[in-house]
Amino acid sequence: MPMNKYPAIIAGQPVRYFWKDLIRVGIYRQPRRRFTLRVDRARLRRWAITGRRMLAAGLAIPINVDHSPSAYDTLGHIVDLAVRGDRLYGLHQFVGNDAARMAARNEVSIGVEADFKDASGRYWPDAIVHVALTPTPLVSRQQPFIEARAAPAVTL
């Protein structure tokens, strides 16, 4: 993905881009909310394809603090999704130096909706609707953020 297609400044704020693994193949149990999330390679691929279609349709996939829906807690957006091996990666667009600093101190967690309906009435089944920065992700042993210029090519 050519980096020149993404802005270096938004509303006067510097923008940084990082690839980060969001989730990998496995079974994840959420003890507080009591659900199990089963992830295989086919699901990773569906999430990447659906996410790219959502982005192409003009929908935003925000990066939030601790799954907060508040505008105040939005640090940027996911601008691409791709699968590499047994992991789904997101290209994170962090707006402002404060957002990049917060990312360096945290991990990520995805927000998934089984049947997301956008403002135009379109349904997006099993869609990633946000990515959260959090110190306590459901998915352990994550890889670090990798600056997009230095990241290896990531493909579907």
C-alpha atoms as a PDB file:
ATOM      1  CA  MET A   1       0.000   0.000   0.000  1.00  0.00           C
ATOM      2  CA  PRO A   2       1.713   3.238  -1.065  1.00  0.00           C
ATOM      3  CA  MET A   3       2.120   5.581   1.893  1.00  0.00           C
ATOM      4  CA  ASN A   4       1.694   8.695  -0.254  1.00  0.00           C
ATOM      5  CA  LYS A   5      -2.043   7.949  -0.469  1.00  0.00           C
ATOM      6  CA  TYR A   6      -2.332   8.774   3.241  1.00  0.00           C
ATOM      7  CA  PRO A   7      -2.003  12.331   4.598  1.00  0.00           C
ATOM      8  CA  ALA A   8       0.948  13.310   6.800  1.00  0.00           C
ATOM      9  CA  ILE A   9      -1.051  16.087   8.464  1.00  0.00           C
ATOM     10  CA  ILE A  10      -4.744  16.237   9.378  1.00  0.00           C
ATOM     11  CA  ALA A  11      -6.226  19.469  10.778  1.00  0.00           C
ATOM     12  CA  GLY A  12      -2.718  20.721  11.496  1.00  0.00           C
ATOM     13  CA  GLN A  13      -1.803  17.595  13.480  1.00  0.00           C
ATOM     14  CA  PRO A  14       1.009  15.189  12.547  1.00  0.00           C
ATOM     15  CA  VAL A  15      -0.156  11.734  11.489  1.00  0.00           C
ATOM     16  CA  ARG A  16       1.739   8.483  12.053  1.00  0.00           C
ATOM     17  CA  TYR A  17       0.977   5.084  10.530  1.00  0.00           C
ATOM     18  CA  PHE A  18       1.630   1.729  12.177  1.00  0.00           C
ATOM     19  CA  TRP A  19       0.771  -1.865  11.315  1.00  0.00           C
ATOM     20  CA  LYS A  20      -0.277  -3.923  14.334  1.00  0.00           C
ATOM     21  CA  ASP A  21      -1.597  -7.422  14.774  1.00  0.00           C
ATOM     22  CA  LEU A  22      -5.189  -7.208  15.975  1.00  0.00           C
ATOM     23  CA  ILE A  23      -5.993 -10.858  16.572  1.00  0.00           C
ATOM     24  CA  ARG A  24      -4.725 -14.291  15.564  1.00  0.00           C
ATOM     25  CA  VAL A  25      -6.146 -17.763  15.088  1.00  0.00           C
ATOM     26  CA  GLY A  26      -7.356 -19.199  18.385  1.00  0.00           C
ATOM     27  CA  ILE A  27     -10.151 -19.404  20.916  1.00  0.00           C
ATOM     28  CA  TYR A  28     -10.610 -16.440  23.222  1.00  0.00           C
ATOM     29  CA  ARG A  29     -12.733 -16.395  26.362  1.00  0.00           C
ATOM     30  CA  GLN A  30     -13.907 -13.121  27.860  1.00  0.00           C
ATOM     31  CA  PRO A  31     -14.425 -13.852  31.569  1.00  0.00           C
ATOM     32  CA  ARG A  32     -16.286 -10.660  32.559  1.00  0.00           C
ATOM     33  CA  ARG A  33     -18.762 -10.590  29.664  1.00  0.00           C
ATOM     34  CA  ARG A  34     -18.799 -14.396  29.420  1.00  0.00           C
ATOM     35  CA  PHE A  35     -18.426 -15.010  25.732  1.00  0.00           C
ATOM     36  CA  THR A  36     -16.131 -17.108  23.588  1.00  0.00           C
ATOM     37  CA  LEU A  37     -14.695 -15.891  20.297  1.00  0.00           C
ATOM     38  CA  ARG A  38     -13.523 -18.567  17.867  1.00  0.00           C
ATOM     39  CA  VAL A  39     -11.121 -17.350  15.208  1.00  0.00           C
ATOM     40  CA  ASP A  40      -9.832 -19.339  12.233  1.00  0.00           C
ATOM     41  CA  ARG A  41      -8.022 -18.200   9.072  1.00  0.00           C
ATOM     42  CA  ALA A  42     -11.295 -17.980   7.136  1.00  0.00           C
ATOM     43  CA  ARG A  43     -12.700 -15.579   9.729  1.00  0.00           C
ATOM     44  CA  LEU A  44      -9.545 -13.450   9.635  1.00  0.00           C
ATOM     45  CA  ARG A  45      -9.906 -13.198   5.869  1.00  0.00           C
ATOM     46  CA  ARG A  46     -13.635 -12.310   6.128  1.00  0.00           C
ATOM     47  CA  TRP A  47     -12.845  -9.582   8.651  1.00  0.00           C
ATOM     48  CA  ALA A  48     -10.180  -8.112   6.353  1.00  0.00           C
ATOM     49  CA  ILE A  49     -12.428  -8.201   3.286  1.00  0.00           C
ATOM     50  CA  THR A  50     -15.429  -6.778   5.129  1.00  0.00           C
ATOM     51  CA  GLY A  51     -13.277  -4.067   6.711  1.00  0.00           C
ATOM     52  CA  ARG A  52     -11.836  -3.037   3.358  1.00  0.00           C
ATOM     53  CA  ARG A  53     -15.342  -2.912   1.880  1.00  0.00           C
ATOM     54  CA  MET A  54     -16.534  -0.768   4.763  1.00  0.00           C
ATOM     55  CA  LEU A  55     -13.614   1.618   4.274  1.00  0.00           C
ATOM     56  CA  ALA A  56     -14.291   1.772   0.508  1.00  0.00           C
ATOM     57  CA  ALA A  57     -17.938   2.620   1.313  1.00  0.00           C
ATOM     58  CA  GLY A  58     -16.747   5.583   3.376  1.00  0.00           C
ATOM     59  CA  LEU A  59     -17.304   4.095   6.826  1.00  0.00           C
ATOM     60  CA  ALA A  60     -14.855   4.824   9.608  1.00  0.00           C
ATOM     61  CA  ILE A  61     -13.244   2.221  11.838  1.00  0.00           C
ATOM     62  CA  PRO A  62     -12.139   4.353  14.779  1.00  0.00           C
ATOM     63  CA  ILE A  63      -9.288   3.695  17.174  1.00  0.00           C
ATOM     64  CA  ASN A  64     -10.648   4.331  20.668  1.00  0.00           C
ATOM     65  CA  VAL A  65      -9.329   4.360  24.210  1.00  0.00           C
ATOM     66  CA  ASP A  66     -10.590   1.308  26.151  1.00  0.00           C
ATOM     67  CA  HIS A  67     -13.524   0.687  23.753  1.00  0.00           C
ATOM     68  CA  SER A  68     -14.994   4.132  24.516  1.00  0.00           C
ATOM     69  CA  PRO A  69     -17.448   5.484  21.892  1.00  0.00           C
ATOM     70  CA  SER A  70     -16.612   9.089  22.872  1.00  0.00           C
ATOM     71  CA  ALA A  71     -15.188  11.503  20.322  1.00  0.00           C
ATOM     72  CA  TYR A  72     -12.830  12.684  23.062  1.00  0.00           C
ATOM     73  CA  ASP A  73     -11.373   9.152  23.265  1.00  0.00           C
ATOM     74  CA  THR A  74     -10.830   8.695  19.513  1.00  0.00           C
ATOM     75  CA  LEU A  75      -7.150   8.667  18.543  1.00  0.00           C
ATOM     76  CA  GLY A  76      -7.407   7.985  14.810  1.00  0.00           C
ATOM     77  CA  HIS A  77      -8.700   5.343  12.419  1.00  0.00           C
ATOM     78  CA  ILE A  78      -7.898   2.014  10.862  1.00  0.00           C
ATOM     79  CA  VAL A  79      -7.188   2.701   7.180  1.00  0.00           C
ATOM     80  CA  ASP A  80      -6.476  -0.847   5.954  1.00  0.00           C
ATOM     81  CA  LEU A  81      -6.789  -4.463   7.085  1.00  0.00           C
ATOM     82  CA  ALA A  82      -4.839  -7.470   5.891  1.00  0.00           C
ATOM     83  CA  VAL A  83      -4.018 -11.054   6.819  1.00  0.00           C
ATOM     84  CA  ARG A  84      -0.483 -12.353   7.156  1.00  0.00           C
ATOM     85  CA  GLY A  85      -0.085 -15.959   8.260  1.00  0.00           C
ATOM     86  CA  ASP A  86      -2.373 -16.618  11.214  1.00  0.00           C
ATOM     87  CA  ARG A  87      -2.828 -12.932  12.169  1.00  0.00           C
ATOM     88  CA  LEU A  88      -5.067 -10.063  11.143  1.00  0.00           C
ATOM     89  CA  TYR A  89      -3.247  -6.735  10.920  1.00  0.00           C
ATOM     90  CA  GLY A  90      -4.642  -3.222  10.918  1.00  0.00           C
ATOM     91  CA  LEU A  91      -2.960  -0.147   9.501  1.00  0.00           C
ATOM     92  CA  HIS A  92      -3.458   2.381  12.295  1.00  0.00           C
ATOM     93  CA  GLN A  93      -3.603   6.090  11.448  1.00  0.00           C
ATOM     94  CA  PHE A  94      -2.821   7.963  14.675  1.00  0.00           C
ATOM     95  CA  VAL A  95      -3.585  11.693  14.591  1.00  0.00           C
ATOM     96  CA  GLY A  96      -1.404  13.817  16.864  1.00  0.00           C
ATOM     97  CA  ASN A  97       1.746  13.035  18.802  1.00  0.00           C
ATOM     98  CA  ASP A  98      -0.315  12.228  21.901  1.00  0.00           C
ATOM     99  CA  ALA A  99      -2.092   9.409  20.037  1.00  0.00           C
ATOM    100  CA  ALA A 100       1.174   7.799  18.896  1.00  0.00           C
ATOM    101  CA  ARG A 101       2.594   8.048  22.436  1.00  0.00           C
ATOM    102  CA  MET A 102      -0.508   6.359  23.868  1.00  0.00           C
ATOM    103  CA  ALA A 103      -0.215   3.552  21.308  1.00  0.00           C
ATOM    104  CA  ALA A 104       3.382   2.917  22.342  1.00  0.00           C
ATOM    105  CA  ARG A 105       2.204   2.208  25.905  1.00  0.00           C
ATOM    106  CA  ASN A 106      -0.696  -0.108  25.085  1.00  0.00           C
ATOM    107  CA  GLU A 107      -1.941  -3.137  23.192  1.00  0.00           C
ATOM    108  CA  VAL A 108      -5.102  -3.436  21.070  1.00  0.00           C
ATOM    109  CA  SER A 109      -8.479  -5.102  21.265  1.00  0.00           C
ATOM    110  CA  ILE A 110     -11.055  -5.343  18.478  1.00  0.00           C
ATOM    111  CA  GLY A 111     -14.722  -4.437  18.743  1.00  0.00           C
ATOM    112  CA  VAL A 112     -16.825  -6.849  16.672  1.00  0.00           C
ATOM    113  CA  GLU A 113     -20.545  -6.630  15.896  1.00  0.00           C
ATOM    114  CA  ALA A 114     -22.334  -9.722  14.607  1.00  0.00           C
ATOM    115  CA  ASP A 115     -24.711  -7.741  12.382  1.00  0.00           C
ATOM    116  CA  PHE A 116     -23.578  -4.113  12.092  1.00  0.00           C
ATOM    117  CA  LYS A 117     -26.027  -1.765  10.361  1.00  0.00           C
ATOM    118  CA  ASP A 118     -24.605   1.525   9.095  1.00  0.00           C
ATOM    119  CA  ALA A 119     -26.429   4.861   8.777  1.00  0.00           C
ATOM    120  CA  SER A 120     -27.391   4.029   5.174  1.00  0.00           C
ATOM    121  CA  GLY A 121     -29.140   0.833   6.252  1.00  0.00           C
ATOM    122  CA  ARG A 122     -26.472  -1.523   4.890  1.00  0.00           C
ATOM    123  CA  TYR A 123     -25.674  -4.623   6.927  1.00  0.00           C
ATOM    124  CA  TRP A 124     -22.128  -5.756   7.562  1.00  0.00           C
ATOM    125  CA  PRO A 125     -22.126  -9.220   9.140  1.00  0.00           C
ATOM    126  CA  ASP A 126     -19.387 -10.090  11.659  1.00  0.00           C
ATOM    127  CA  ALA A 127     -17.664  -6.716  11.230  1.00  0.00           C
ATOM    128  CA  ILE A 128     -14.848  -5.079  13.125  1.00  0.00           C
ATOM    129  CA  VAL A 129     -16.369  -1.720  14.066  1.00  0.00           C
ATOM    130  CA  HIS A 130     -13.513  -0.284  16.128  1.00  0.00           C
ATOM    131  CA  VAL A 131     -10.075  -1.045  17.528  1.00  0.00           C
ATOM    132  CA  ALA A 132      -9.337  -0.086  21.120  1.00  0.00           C
ATOM    133  CA  LEU A 133      -6.059   0.751  22.794  1.00  0.00           C
ATOM    134  CA  THR A 134      -5.977  -1.004  26.145  1.00  0.00           C
ATOM    135  CA  PRO A 135      -3.421  -2.261  28.656  1.00  0.00           C
ATOM    136  CA  THR A 136      -5.488  -5.447  29.183  1.00  0.00           C
ATOM    137  CA  PRO A 137      -6.387  -7.008  25.819  1.00  0.00           C
ATOM    138  CA  LEU A 138      -8.222 -10.303  25.442  1.00  0.00           C
ATOM    139  CA  VAL A 139      -5.511 -11.403  22.981  1.00  0.00           C
ATOM    140  CA  SER A 140      -2.181 -11.837  24.783  1.00  0.00           C
ATOM    141  CA  ARG A 141       1.360 -11.961  23.346  1.00  0.00           C
ATOM    142  CA  GLN A 142       0.765  -9.284  20.724  1.00  0.00           C
ATOM    143  CA  GLN A 143       3.535  -8.052  18.477  1.00  0.00           C
ATOM    144  CA  PRO A 144       4.628  -4.411  18.791  1.00  0.00           C
ATOM    145  CA  PHE A 145       3.402  -1.583  16.581  1.00  0.00           C
ATOM    146  CA  ILE A 146       5.562  -1.408  13.436  1.00  0.00           C
ATOM    147  CA  GLU A 147       5.934   1.914  11.669  1.00  0.00           C
ATOM    148  CA  ALA A 148       4.362   1.521   8.232  1.00  0.00           C
ATOM    149  CA  ARG A 149       7.492   2.573   6.347  1.00  0.00           C
ATOM    150  CA  ALA A 150       9.404  -0.268   7.993  1.00  0.00           C
ATOM    151  CA  ALA A 151       6.650  -2.891   7.941  1.00  0.00           C
ATOM    152  CA  PRO A 152       6.779  -5.901   5.654  1.00  0.00           C
ATOM    153  CA  ALA A 153       4.160  -6.152   2.933  1.00  0.00           C
ATOM    154  CA  VAL A 154       0.886  -7.462   4.297  1.00  0.00           C
ATOM    155  CA  THR A 155      -1.513  -9.186   1.923  1.00  0.00           C
ATOM    156  CA  LEU A 156      -4.849 -10.951   1.982  1.00  0.00           C
END
